[in-house]
All heavy atoms as atom14 arrays in JSON, in Angstrom:
{
  "sequence": "PAWNALYQIRDFSGHVQQVEAFVGSEVTPIEKLDKQTWRIKGKGTIRV",
  "atom14_mask": [
    [1, 1, 1, 1, 1, 1, 1, 0, 0, 0, 0, 0, 0, 0],
    [1, 1, 1, 1, 1, 0, 0, 0, 0, 0, 0, 0, 0, 0],
    [1, 1, 1, 1, 1, 1, 1, 1, 1, 1, 1, 1, 1, 1],
    [1, 1, 1, 1, 1, 1, 1, 1, 0, 0, 0, 0, 0, 0],
    [1, 1, 1, 1, 1, 0, 0, 0, 0, 0, 0, 0, 0, 0],
    [1, 1, 1, 1, 1, 1, 1, 1, 0, 0, 0, 0, 0, 0],
    [1, 1, 1, 1, 1, 1, 1, 1, 1, 1, 1, 1, 0, 0],
    [1, 1, 1, 1, 1, 1, 1, 1, 1, 0, 0, 0, 0, 0],
    [1, 1, 1, 1, 1, 1, 1, 1, 0, 0, 0, 0, 0, 0],
    [1, 1, 1, 1, 1, 1, 1, 1, 1, 1, 1, 0, 0, 0],
    [1, 1, 1, 1, 1, 1, 1, 1, 0, 0, 0, 0, 0, 0],
    [1, 1, 1, 1, 1, 1, 1, 1, 1, 1, 1, 0, 0, 0],
    [1, 1, 1, 1, 1, 1, 0, 0, 0, 0, 0, 0, 0, 0],
    [1, 1, 1, 1, 0, 0, 0, 0, 0, 0, 0, 0, 0, 0],
    [1, 1, 1, 1, 1, 1, 1, 1, 1, 1, 0, 0, 0, 0],
    [1, 1, 1, 1, 1, 1, 1, 0, 0, 0, 0, 0, 0, 0],
    [1, 1, 1, 1, 1, 1, 1, 1, 1, 0, 0, 0, 0, 0],
    [1, 1, 1, 1, 1, 1, 1, 1, 1, 0, 0, 0, 0, 0],
    [1, 1, 1, 1, 1, 1, 1, 0, 0, 0, 0, 0, 0, 0],
    [1, 1, 1, 1, 1, 1, 1, 1, 1, 0, 0, 0, 0, 0],
    [1, 1, 1, 1, 1, 0, 0, 0, 0, 0, 0, 0, 0, 0],
    [1, 1, 1, 1, 1, 1, 1, 1, 1, 1, 1, 0, 0, 0],
    [1, 1, 1, 1, 1, 1, 1, 0, 0, 0, 0, 0, 0, 0],
    [1, 1, 1, 1, 0, 0, 0, 0, 0, 0, 0, 0, 0, 0],
    [1, 1, 1, 1, 1, 1, 0, 0, 0, 0, 0, 0, 0, 0],
    [1, 1, 1, 1, 1, 1, 1, 1, 1, 0, 0, 0, 0, 0],
    [1, 1, 1, 1, 1, 1, 1, 0, 0, 0, 0, 0, 0, 0],
    [1, 1, 1, 1, 1, 1, 1, 0, 0, 0, 0, 0, 0, 0],
    [1, 1, 1, 1, 1, 1, 1, 0, 0, 0, 0, 0, 0, 0],
    [1, 1, 1, 1, 1, 1, 1, 1, 0, 0, 0, 0, 0, 0],
    [1, 1, 1, 1, 1, 1, 1, 1, 1, 0, 0, 0, 0, 0],
    [1, 1, 1, 1, 1, 1, 1, 1, 1, 0, 0, 0, 0, 0],
    [1, 1, 1, 1, 1, 1, 1, 1, 0, 0, 0, 0, 0, 0],
    [1, 1, 1, 1, 1, 1, 1, 1, 0, 0, 0, 0, 0, 0],
    [1, 1, 1, 1, 1, 1, 1, 1, 1, 0, 0, 0, 0, 0],
    [1, 1, 1, 1, 1, 1, 1, 1, 1, 0, 0, 0, 0, 0],
    [1, 1, 1, 1, 1, 1, 1, 0, 0, 0, 0, 0, 0, 0],
    [1, 1, 1, 1, 1, 1, 1, 1, 1, 1, 1, 1, 1, 1],
    [1, 1, 1, 1, 1, 1, 1, 1, 1, 1, 1, 0, 0, 0],
    [1, 1, 1, 1, 1, 1, 1, 1, 0, 0, 0, 0, 0, 0],
    [1, 1, 1, 1, 1, 1, 1, 1, 1, 0, 0, 0, 0, 0],
    [1, 1, 1, 1, 0, 0, 0, 0, 0, 0, 0, 0, 0, 0],
    [1, 1, 1, 1, 1, 1, 1, 1, 1, 0, 0, 0, 0, 0],
    [1, 1, 1, 1, 0, 0, 0, 0, 0, 0, 0, 0, 0, 0],
    [1, 1, 1, 1, 1, 1, 1, 0, 0, 0, 0, 0, 0, 0],
    [1, 1, 1, 1, 1, 1, 1, 1, 0, 0, 0, 0, 0, 0],
    [1, 1, 1, 1, 1, 1, 1, 1, 1, 1, 1, 0, 0, 0],
    [1, 1, 1, 1, 1, 1, 1, 0, 0, 0, 0, 0, 0, 0]
  ],
  "atom14_positions": [
    [[-10.65, -3.74, -17.32], [-10.96, -4.99, -17.98], [-10.04, -6.14, -17.56], [-8.91, -5.92, -17.16], [-10.75, -4.65, -19.46], [-9.73, -3.57, -19.45], [-10.03, -2.77, -18.2], [0.0, 0.0, 0.0], [0.0, 0.0, 0.0], [0.0, 0.0, 0.0], [0.0, 0.0, 0.0], [0.0, 0.0, 0.0], [0.0, 0.0, 0.0], [0.0, 0.0, 0.0]],
    [[-10.54, -7.31, -17.64], [-9.75, -8.54, -17.57], [-10.2, -9.34, -18.78], [-11.37, -9.61, -18.93], [-10.03, -9.3, -16.28], [0.0, 0.0, 0.0], [0.0, 0.0, 0.0], [0.0, 0.0, 0.0], [0.0, 0.0, 0.0], [0.0, 0.0, 0.0], [0.0, 0.0, 0.0], [0.0, 0.0, 0.0], [0.0, 0.0, 0.0], [0.0, 0.0, 0.0]],
    [[-9.29, -9.63, -19.67], [-9.71, -10.31, -20.88], [-8.71, -11.41, -21.26], [-7.59, -11.44, -20.78], [-9.92, -9.36, -22.05], [-8.69, -8.66, -22.53], [-7.73, -9.16, -23.34], [-8.3, -7.32, -22.22], [-6.77, -8.22, -23.56], [-7.1, -7.09, -22.89], [-8.86, -6.32, -21.46], [-6.43, -5.87, -22.81], [-8.2, -5.11, -21.38], [-7.01, -4.9, -22.05]],
    [[-9.17, -12.27, -22.13], [-8.39, -13.39, -22.59], [-7.41, -12.89, -23.66], [-7.82, -12.51, -24.74], [-9.31, -14.47, -23.15], [-8.57, -15.74, -23.49], [-7.36, -15.76, -23.58], [-9.31, -16.8, -23.7], [0.0, 0.0, 0.0], [0.0, 0.0, 0.0], [0.0, 0.0, 0.0], [0.0, 0.0, 0.0], [0.0, 0.0, 0.0], [0.0, 0.0, 0.0]],
    [[-6.14, -12.91, -23.32], [-5.1, -12.51, -24.26], [-4.02, -13.58, -24.23], [-3.56, -13.99, -23.17], [-4.53, -11.16, -23.87], [0.0, 0.0, 0.0], [0.0, 0.0, 0.0], [0.0, 0.0, 0.0], [0.0, 0.0, 0.0], [0.0, 0.0, 0.0], [0.0, 0.0, 0.0], [0.0, 0.0, 0.0], [0.0, 0.0, 0.0], [0.0, 0.0, 0.0]],
    [[-3.62, -14.03, -25.36], [-2.62, -15.08, -25.47], [-3.02, -16.33, -24.69], [-2.22, -16.94, -24.01], [-1.25, -14.56, -25.0], [-0.72, -13.36, -25.79], [0.57, -12.86, -25.17], [-0.5, -13.73, -27.24], [0.0, 0.0, 0.0], [0.0, 0.0, 0.0], [0.0, 0.0, 0.0], [0.0, 0.0, 0.0], [0.0, 0.0, 0.0], [0.0, 0.0, 0.0]],
    [[-4.3, -16.65, -24.73], [-4.85, -17.85, -24.1], [-4.73, -17.85, -22.58], [-4.61, -18.89, -21.95], [-4.22, -19.12, -24.7], [-4.39, -19.16, -26.18], [-3.35, -18.84, -27.03], [-5.62, -19.49, -26.73], [-3.52, -18.86, -28.4], [-5.8, -19.5, -28.11], [-4.74, -19.19, -28.94], [-4.91, -19.21, -30.29], [0.0, 0.0, 0.0], [0.0, 0.0, 0.0]],
    [[-4.72, -16.67, -21.98], [-4.75, -16.57, -20.52], [-5.49, -15.3, -20.14], [-5.48, -14.32, -20.87], [-3.34, -16.57, -19.94], [-2.45, -15.44, -20.45], [-1.04, -15.53, -19.92], [-0.85, -15.81, -18.76], [-0.06, -15.3, -20.77], [0.0, 0.0, 0.0], [0.0, 0.0, 0.0], [0.0, 0.0, 0.0], [0.0, 0.0, 0.0], [0.0, 0.0, 0.0]],
    [[-6.15, -15.32, -19.0], [-6.86, -14.14, -18.52], [-5.83, -13.17, -17.94], [-5.05, -13.52, -17.06], [-7.91, -14.5, -17.45], [-8.95, -15.45, -18.02], [-8.57, -13.23, -16.88], [-9.77, -14.9, -19.17], [0.0, 0.0, 0.0], [0.0, 0.0, 0.0], [0.0, 0.0, 0.0], [0.0, 0.0, 0.0], [0.0, 0.0, 0.0], [0.0, 0.0, 0.0]],
    [[-5.82, -11.97, -18.47], [-4.87, -10.94, -18.01], [-5.58, -10.07, -16.98], [-6.62, -9.51, -17.25], [-4.42, -10.08, -19.2], [-3.81, -10.86, -20.35], [-2.57, -11.6, -19.95], [-1.59, -10.68, -19.43], [-0.35, -10.99, -19.06], [0.03, -12.23, -19.14], [0.46, -10.09, -18.61], [0.0, 0.0, 0.0], [0.0, 0.0, 0.0], [0.0, 0.0, 0.0]],
    [[-5.02, -9.98, -15.79], [-5.59, -9.19, -14.7], [-4.85, -7.86, -14.6], [-3.96, -7.69, -13.77], [-5.5, -9.97, -13.39], [-6.03, -9.18, -12.21], [-6.78, -8.22, -12.43], [-5.67, -9.53, -11.08], [0.0, 0.0, 0.0], [0.0, 0.0, 0.0], [0.0, 0.0, 0.0], [0.0, 0.0, 0.0], [0.0, 0.0, 0.0], [0.0, 0.0, 0.0]],
    [[-5.19, -6.92, -15.45], [-4.5, -5.64, -15.46], [-4.78, -4.83, -14.2], [-3.95, -4.04, -13.77], [-4.88, -4.84, -16.71], [-4.41, -5.51, -17.98], [-5.29, -6.18, -18.8], [-3.07, -5.48, -18.33], [-4.86, -6.8, -19.96], [-2.62, -6.1, -19.48], [-3.51, -6.77, -20.3], [0.0, 0.0, 0.0], [0.0, 0.0, 0.0], [0.0, 0.0, 0.0]],
    [[-5.94, -5.01, -13.59], [-6.27, -4.26, -12.38], [-5.4, -4.66, -11.2], [-5.27, -3.9, -10.24], [-7.74, -4.45, -12.01], [-7.99, -5.79, -11.67], [0.0, 0.0, 0.0], [0.0, 0.0, 0.0], [0.0, 0.0, 0.0], [0.0, 0.0, 0.0], [0.0, 0.0, 0.0], [0.0, 0.0, 0.0], [0.0, 0.0, 0.0], [0.0, 0.0, 0.0]],
    [[-4.78, -5.83, -11.25], [-3.9, -6.28, -10.17], [-2.66, -5.43, -10.02], [-1.95, -5.53, -9.02], [0.0, 0.0, 0.0], [0.0, 0.0, 0.0], [0.0, 0.0, 0.0], [0.0, 0.0, 0.0], [0.0, 0.0, 0.0], [0.0, 0.0, 0.0], [0.0, 0.0, 0.0], [0.0, 0.0, 0.0], [0.0, 0.0, 0.0], [0.0, 0.0, 0.0]],
    [[-2.38, -4.59, -11.0], [-1.19, -3.74, -10.97], [-1.51, -2.3, -10.56], [-0.65, -1.43, -10.58], [-0.51, -3.75, -12.34], [-0.11, -5.14, -12.75], [1.03, -5.75, -12.28], [-0.72, -6.04, -13.53], [1.11, -6.96, -12.77], [0.05, -7.17, -13.54], [0.0, 0.0, 0.0], [0.0, 0.0, 0.0], [0.0, 0.0, 0.0], [0.0, 0.0, 0.0]],
    [[-2.77, -2.03, -10.21], [-3.2, -0.69, -9.81], [-2.93, -0.52, -8.32], [-3.25, -1.39, -7.51], [-4.7, -0.48, -10.12], [-5.18, 0.85, -9.58], [-4.93, -0.55, -11.61], [0.0, 0.0, 0.0], [0.0, 0.0, 0.0], [0.0, 0.0, 0.0], [0.0, 0.0, 0.0], [0.0, 0.0, 0.0], [0.0, 0.0, 0.0], [0.0, 0.0, 0.0]],
    [[-2.32, 0.61, -7.96], [-1.97, 0.91, -6.58], [-2.37, 2.34, -6.24], [-2.54, 3.17, -7.13], [-0.46, 0.79, -6.36], [0.11, -0.55, -6.73], [1.63, -0.54, -6.66], [2.25, 0.46, -6.36], [2.23, -1.68, -6.94], [0.0, 0.0, 0.0], [0.0, 0.0, 0.0], [0.0, 0.0, 0.0], [0.0, 0.0, 0.0], [0.0, 0.0, 0.0]],
    [[-2.49, 2.62, -4.96], [-2.71, 3.97, -4.44], [-3.86, 4.69, -5.15], [-3.68, 5.77, -5.71], [-1.42, 4.78, -4.53], [-0.28, 4.17, -3.74], [1.01, 4.92, -3.88], [1.14, 5.79, -4.75], [1.98, 4.6, -3.07], [0.0, 0.0, 0.0], [0.0, 0.0, 0.0], [0.0, 0.0, 0.0], [0.0, 0.0, 0.0], [0.0, 0.0, 0.0]],
    [[-5.03, 4.09, -5.12], [-6.21, 4.68, -5.75], [-6.79, 5.74, -4.82], [-7.01, 5.48, -3.64], [-7.28, 3.61, -6.06], [-8.49, 4.25, -6.72], [-6.7, 2.52, -6.94], [0.0, 0.0, 0.0], [0.0, 0.0, 0.0], [0.0, 0.0, 0.0], [0.0, 0.0, 0.0], [0.0, 0.0, 0.0], [0.0, 0.0, 0.0], [0.0, 0.0, 0.0]],
    [[-6.99, 6.94, -5.33], [-7.59, 8.04, -4.57], [-8.65, 8.7, -5.43], [-8.49, 8.8, -6.64], [-6.56, 9.09, -4.19], [-5.46, 8.62, -3.28], [-4.47, 9.72, -3.0], [-3.93, 10.29, -3.96], [-4.26, 10.03, -1.82], [0.0, 0.0, 0.0], [0.0, 0.0, 0.0], [0.0, 0.0, 0.0], [0.0, 0.0, 0.0], [0.0, 0.0, 0.0]],
    [[-9.72, 9.16, -4.8], [-10.77, 9.88, -5.52], [-11.02, 11.21, -4.82], [-10.94, 11.31, -3.59], [-12.04, 9.06, -5.56], [0.0, 0.0, 0.0], [0.0, 0.0, 0.0], [0.0, 0.0, 0.0], [0.0, 0.0, 0.0], [0.0, 0.0, 0.0], [0.0, 0.0, 0.0], [0.0, 0.0, 0.0], [0.0, 0.0, 0.0], [0.0, 0.0, 0.0]],
    [[-11.34, 12.23, -5.61], [-11.54, 13.58, -5.1], [-12.82, 14.17, -5.68], [-13.09, 14.02, -6.87], [-10.38, 14.5, -5.48], [-9.05, 14.05, -4.94], [-8.26, 13.16, -5.66], [-8.6, 14.5, -3.72], [-7.04, 12.74, -5.18], [-7.37, 14.09, -3.23], [-6.6, 13.2, -3.96], [0.0, 0.0, 0.0], [0.0, 0.0, 0.0], [0.0, 0.0, 0.0]],
    [[-13.58, 14.83, -4.86], [-14.7, 15.67, -5.29], [-14.26, 17.07, -4.93], [-14.17, 17.42, -3.75], [-16.02, 15.29, -4.59], [-17.11, 16.25, -5.0], [-16.41, 13.87, -4.92], [0.0, 0.0, 0.0], [0.0, 0.0, 0.0], [0.0, 0.0, 0.0], [0.0, 0.0, 0.0], [0.0, 0.0, 0.0], [0.0, 0.0, 0.0], [0.0, 0.0, 0.0]],
    [[-13.94, 17.86, -5.95], [-13.3, 19.16, -5.69], [-11.93, 18.88, -5.09], [-11.16, 18.1, -5.62], [0.0, 0.0, 0.0], [0.0, 0.0, 0.0], [0.0, 0.0, 0.0], [0.0, 0.0, 0.0], [0.0, 0.0, 0.0], [0.0, 0.0, 0.0], [0.0, 0.0, 0.0], [0.0, 0.0, 0.0], [0.0, 0.0, 0.0], [0.0, 0.0, 0.0]],
    [[-11.63, 19.46, -3.93], [-10.36, 19.21, -3.27], [-10.5, 18.21, -2.12], [-9.53, 17.9, -1.45], [-9.78, 20.52, -2.74], [-10.66, 21.1, -1.79], [0.0, 0.0, 0.0], [0.0, 0.0, 0.0], [0.0, 0.0, 0.0], [0.0, 0.0, 0.0], [0.0, 0.0, 0.0], [0.0, 0.0, 0.0], [0.0, 0.0, 0.0], [0.0, 0.0, 0.0]],
    [[-11.71, 17.71, -1.91], [-11.98, 16.78, -0.81], [-11.79, 15.33, -1.26], [-12.27, 14.93, -2.31], [-13.41, 16.95, -0.3], [-13.71, 18.32, 0.27], [-12.95, 18.59, 1.56], [-12.83, 17.66, 2.37], [-12.49, 19.73, 1.72], [0.0, 0.0, 0.0], [0.0, 0.0, 0.0], [0.0, 0.0, 0.0], [0.0, 0.0, 0.0], [0.0, 0.0, 0.0]],
    [[-11.11, 14.55, -0.42], [-10.95, 13.12, -0.68], [-12.29, 12.44, -0.39], [-12.93, 12.73, 0.61], [-9.84, 12.52, 0.2], [-9.75, 11.02, 0.0], [-8.51, 13.18, -0.09], [0.0, 0.0, 0.0], [0.0, 0.0, 0.0], [0.0, 0.0, 0.0], [0.0, 0.0, 0.0], [0.0, 0.0, 0.0], [0.0, 0.0, 0.0], [0.0, 0.0, 0.0]],
    [[-12.72, 11.56, -1.28], [-13.96, 10.82, -1.09], [-13.64, 9.33, -0.96], [-12.68, 8.85, -1.55], [-14.95, 11.09, -2.24], [-16.21, 10.54, -1.92], [-14.47, 10.56, -3.55], [0.0, 0.0, 0.0], [0.0, 0.0, 0.0], [0.0, 0.0, 0.0], [0.0, 0.0, 0.0], [0.0, 0.0, 0.0], [0.0, 0.0, 0.0], [0.0, 0.0, 0.0]],
    [[-14.4, 8.59, -0.15], [-14.1, 7.17, 0.06], [-14.27, 6.33, -1.22], [-15.12, 6.61, -2.05], [-15.13, 6.73, 1.1], [-15.78, 7.95, 1.61], [-15.53, 9.05, 0.65], [0.0, 0.0, 0.0], [0.0, 0.0, 0.0], [0.0, 0.0, 0.0], [0.0, 0.0, 0.0], [0.0, 0.0, 0.0], [0.0, 0.0, 0.0], [0.0, 0.0, 0.0]],
    [[-13.44, 5.3, -1.3], [-13.5, 4.35, -2.4], [-13.73, 2.97, -1.81], [-13.07, 2.59, -0.84], [-12.19, 4.34, -3.2], [-11.92, 5.71, -3.8], [-12.2, 3.27, -4.28], [-10.59, 5.82, -4.48], [0.0, 0.0, 0.0], [0.0, 0.0, 0.0], [0.0, 0.0, 0.0], [0.0, 0.0, 0.0], [0.0, 0.0, 0.0], [0.0, 0.0, 0.0]],
    [[-14.63, 2.22, -2.4], [-14.89, 0.85, -1.97], [-14.53, -0.08, -3.12], [-15.07, 0.05, -4.22], [-16.37, 0.7, -1.62], [-16.77, -0.68, -1.21], [-18.27, -0.81, -0.98], [-19.02, 0.16, -1.21], [-18.68, -1.91, -0.59], [0.0, 0.0, 0.0], [0.0, 0.0, 0.0], [0.0, 0.0, 0.0], [0.0, 0.0, 0.0], [0.0, 0.0, 0.0]],
    [[-13.61, -0.99, -2.89], [-13.23, -1.95, -3.92], [-14.19, -3.13, -3.84], [-14.22, -3.84, -2.85], [-11.79, -2.41, -3.75], [-11.3, -3.22, -4.92], [-9.81, -3.42, -4.89], [-9.38, -4.14, -6.15], [-7.95, -4.32, -6.2], [0.0, 0.0, 0.0], [0.0, 0.0, 0.0], [0.0, 0.0, 0.0], [0.0, 0.0, 0.0], [0.0, 0.0, 0.0]],
    [[-14.99, -3.32, -4.88], [-16.04, -4.35, -4.88], [-15.5, -5.73, -5.26], [-15.94, -6.75, -4.75], [-17.17, -3.96, -5.81], [-17.85, -2.62, -5.5], [-18.9, -2.3, -6.54], [-18.43, -2.63, -4.1], [0.0, 0.0, 0.0], [0.0, 0.0, 0.0], [0.0, 0.0, 0.0], [0.0, 0.0, 0.0], [0.0, 0.0, 0.0], [0.0, 0.0, 0.0]],
    [[-14.61, -5.77, -6.22], [-13.95, -7.0, -6.62], [-12.62, -6.61, -7.24], [-12.22, -5.46, -7.15], [-14.84, -7.85, -7.56], [-15.25, -7.12, -8.83], [-14.44, -6.33, -9.37], [-16.37, -7.34, -9.31], [0.0, 0.0, 0.0], [0.0, 0.0, 0.0], [0.0, 0.0, 0.0], [0.0, 0.0, 0.0], [0.0, 0.0, 0.0], [0.0, 0.0, 0.0]],
    [[-11.95, -7.55, -7.87], [-10.59, -7.25, -8.33], [-10.52, -6.22, -9.45], [-9.45, -5.71, -9.74], [-9.86, -8.52, -8.74], [-10.4, -9.18, -9.99], [-9.6, -10.43, -10.29], [-10.03, -11.06, -11.58], [-9.23, -12.24, -11.88], [0.0, 0.0, 0.0], [0.0, 0.0, 0.0], [0.0, 0.0, 0.0], [0.0, 0.0, 0.0], [0.0, 0.0, 0.0]],
    [[-11.66, -5.9, -10.06], [-11.6, -4.93, -11.15], [-12.68, -3.85, -11.08], [-12.87, -3.11, -12.04], [-11.67, -5.64, -12.5], [-12.98, -6.4, -12.72], [-12.91, -7.28, -13.94], [-11.86, -7.8, -14.28], [-14.03, -7.45, -14.6], [0.0, 0.0, 0.0], [0.0, 0.0, 0.0], [0.0, 0.0, 0.0], [0.0, 0.0, 0.0], [0.0, 0.0, 0.0]],
    [[-13.36, -3.73, -9.94], [-14.45, -2.75, -9.81], [-14.33, -1.97, -8.51], [-14.17, -2.57, -7.45], [-15.83, -3.45, -9.83], [-15.9, -4.32, -10.96], [-16.96, -2.44, -9.87], [0.0, 0.0, 0.0], [0.0, 0.0, 0.0], [0.0, 0.0, 0.0], [0.0, 0.0, 0.0], [0.0, 0.0, 0.0], [0.0, 0.0, 0.0], [0.0, 0.0, 0.0]],
    [[-14.4, -0.65, -8.62], [-14.38, 0.23, -7.46], [-15.67, 1.04, -7.44], [-16.18, 1.43, -8.48], [-13.21, 1.2, -7.51], [-11.87, 0.57, -7.35], [-11.14, 0.49, -6.2], [-11.06, -0.03, -8.36], [-9.95, -0.14, -6.44], [-9.86, -0.48, -7.76], [-11.24, -0.27, -9.72], [-8.85, -1.11, -8.46], [-10.24, -0.91, -10.42], [-9.07, -1.32, -9.79]],
    [[-16.19, 1.35, -6.25], [-17.37, 2.21, -6.11], [-16.92, 3.5, -5.42], [-16.3, 3.47, -4.37], [-18.45, 1.54, -5.28], [-19.66, 2.47, -5.07], [-20.71, 1.82, -4.19], [-21.29, 0.7, -4.95], [-21.72, -0.42, -4.39], [-21.62, -0.61, -3.1], [-22.25, -1.37, -5.14], [0.0, 0.0, 0.0], [0.0, 0.0, 0.0], [0.0, 0.0, 0.0]],
    [[-17.29, 4.62, -6.05], [-16.97, 5.94, -5.51], [-18.27, 6.71, -5.4], [-19.0, 6.84, -6.37], [-15.99, 6.69, -6.43], [-14.73, 5.85, -6.65], [-15.67, 8.06, -5.87], [-13.84, 6.36, -7.75], [0.0, 0.0, 0.0], [0.0, 0.0, 0.0], [0.0, 0.0, 0.0], [0.0, 0.0, 0.0], [0.0, 0.0, 0.0], [0.0, 0.0, 0.0]],
    [[-18.55, 7.2, -4.21], [-19.77, 7.98, -4.0], [-19.39, 9.45, -3.89], [-18.49, 9.82, -3.17], [-20.49, 7.52, -2.74], [-21.04, 6.12, -2.85], [-21.82, 5.73, -1.62], [-22.34, 4.32, -1.77], [-23.11, 3.9, -0.59], [0.0, 0.0, 0.0], [0.0, 0.0, 0.0], [0.0, 0.0, 0.0], [0.0, 0.0, 0.0], [0.0, 0.0, 0.0]],
    [[-20.14, 10.27, -4.62], [-19.91, 11.7, -4.57], [-20.8, 12.4, -5.57], [-21.4, 11.77, -6.45], [0.0, 0.0, 0.0], [0.0, 0.0, 0.0], [0.0, 0.0, 0.0], [0.0, 0.0, 0.0], [0.0, 0.0, 0.0], [0.0, 0.0, 0.0], [0.0, 0.0, 0.0], [0.0, 0.0, 0.0], [0.0, 0.0, 0.0], [0.0, 0.0, 0.0]],
    [[-20.9, 13.69, -5.43], [-21.71, 14.5, -6.36], [-20.79, 15.46, -7.09], [-19.83, 15.97, -6.53], [-22.77, 15.28, -5.59], [-23.82, 14.4, -4.95], [-24.89, 15.21, -4.26], [-25.92, 14.3, -3.64], [-26.99, 15.05, -2.99], [0.0, 0.0, 0.0], [0.0, 0.0, 0.0], [0.0, 0.0, 0.0], [0.0, 0.0, 0.0], [0.0, 0.0, 0.0]],
    [[-21.14, 15.72, -8.32], [-20.32, 16.63, -9.12], [-19.22, 15.87, -9.85], [-19.31, 14.67, -10.08], [0.0, 0.0, 0.0], [0.0, 0.0, 0.0], [0.0, 0.0, 0.0], [0.0, 0.0, 0.0], [0.0, 0.0, 0.0], [0.0, 0.0, 0.0], [0.0, 0.0, 0.0], [0.0, 0.0, 0.0], [0.0, 0.0, 0.0], [0.0, 0.0, 0.0]],
    [[-18.17, 16.57, -10.18], [-17.05, 15.98, -10.9], [-16.18, 15.19, -9.93], [-15.77, 15.73, -8.9], [-16.21, 17.08, -11.58], [-17.04, 17.8, -12.49], [-15.04, 16.48, -12.33], [0.0, 0.0, 0.0], [0.0, 0.0, 0.0], [0.0, 0.0, 0.0], [0.0, 0.0, 0.0], [0.0, 0.0, 0.0], [0.0, 0.0, 0.0], [0.0, 0.0, 0.0]],
    [[-15.92, 13.95, -10.26], [-15.06, 13.1, -9.44], [-13.78, 12.83, -10.22], [-13.82, 12.4, -11.36], [-15.76, 11.77, -9.1], [-17.02, 12.03, -8.29], [-14.82, 10.84, -8.36], [-17.87, 10.81, -8.03], [0.0, 0.0, 0.0], [0.0, 0.0, 0.0], [0.0, 0.0, 0.0], [0.0, 0.0, 0.0], [0.0, 0.0, 0.0], [0.0, 0.0, 0.0]],
    [[-12.65, 13.13, -9.59], [-11.34, 12.85, -10.2], [-10.74, 11.63, -9.51], [-10.8, 11.53, -8.29], [-10.37, 14.03, -10.03], [-10.77, 15.26, -10.81], [-9.77, 16.39, -10.6], [-9.81, 16.84, -9.21], [-8.75, 16.82, -8.38], [-7.59, 16.37, -8.79], [-8.88, 17.23, -7.14], [0.0, 0.0, 0.0], [0.0, 0.0, 0.0], [0.0, 0.0, 0.0]],
    [[-10.18, 10.73, -10.28], [-9.55, 9.53, -9.74], [-8.08, 9.55, -10.12], [-7.73, 9.75, -11.28], [-10.23, 8.25, -10.3], [-9.53, 7.01, -9.78], [-11.71, 8.24, -9.94], [0.0, 0.0, 0.0], [0.0, 0.0, 0.0], [0.0, 0.0, 0.0], [0.0, 0.0, 0.0], [0.0, 0.0, 0.0], [0.0, 0.0, 0.0], [0.0, 0.0, 0.0]]
  ]
}
């Protein structure tokens, strides 16, 4: 989320680093769509 807190938009996603996604033990690609949205393609359980 990015929301208005204390009369300013807080960009909490700007502090996220080293994002990895896994399907089983395999690393799956991540596409960052904008500053607060990521797309992960995979089947089954995805761990981030």
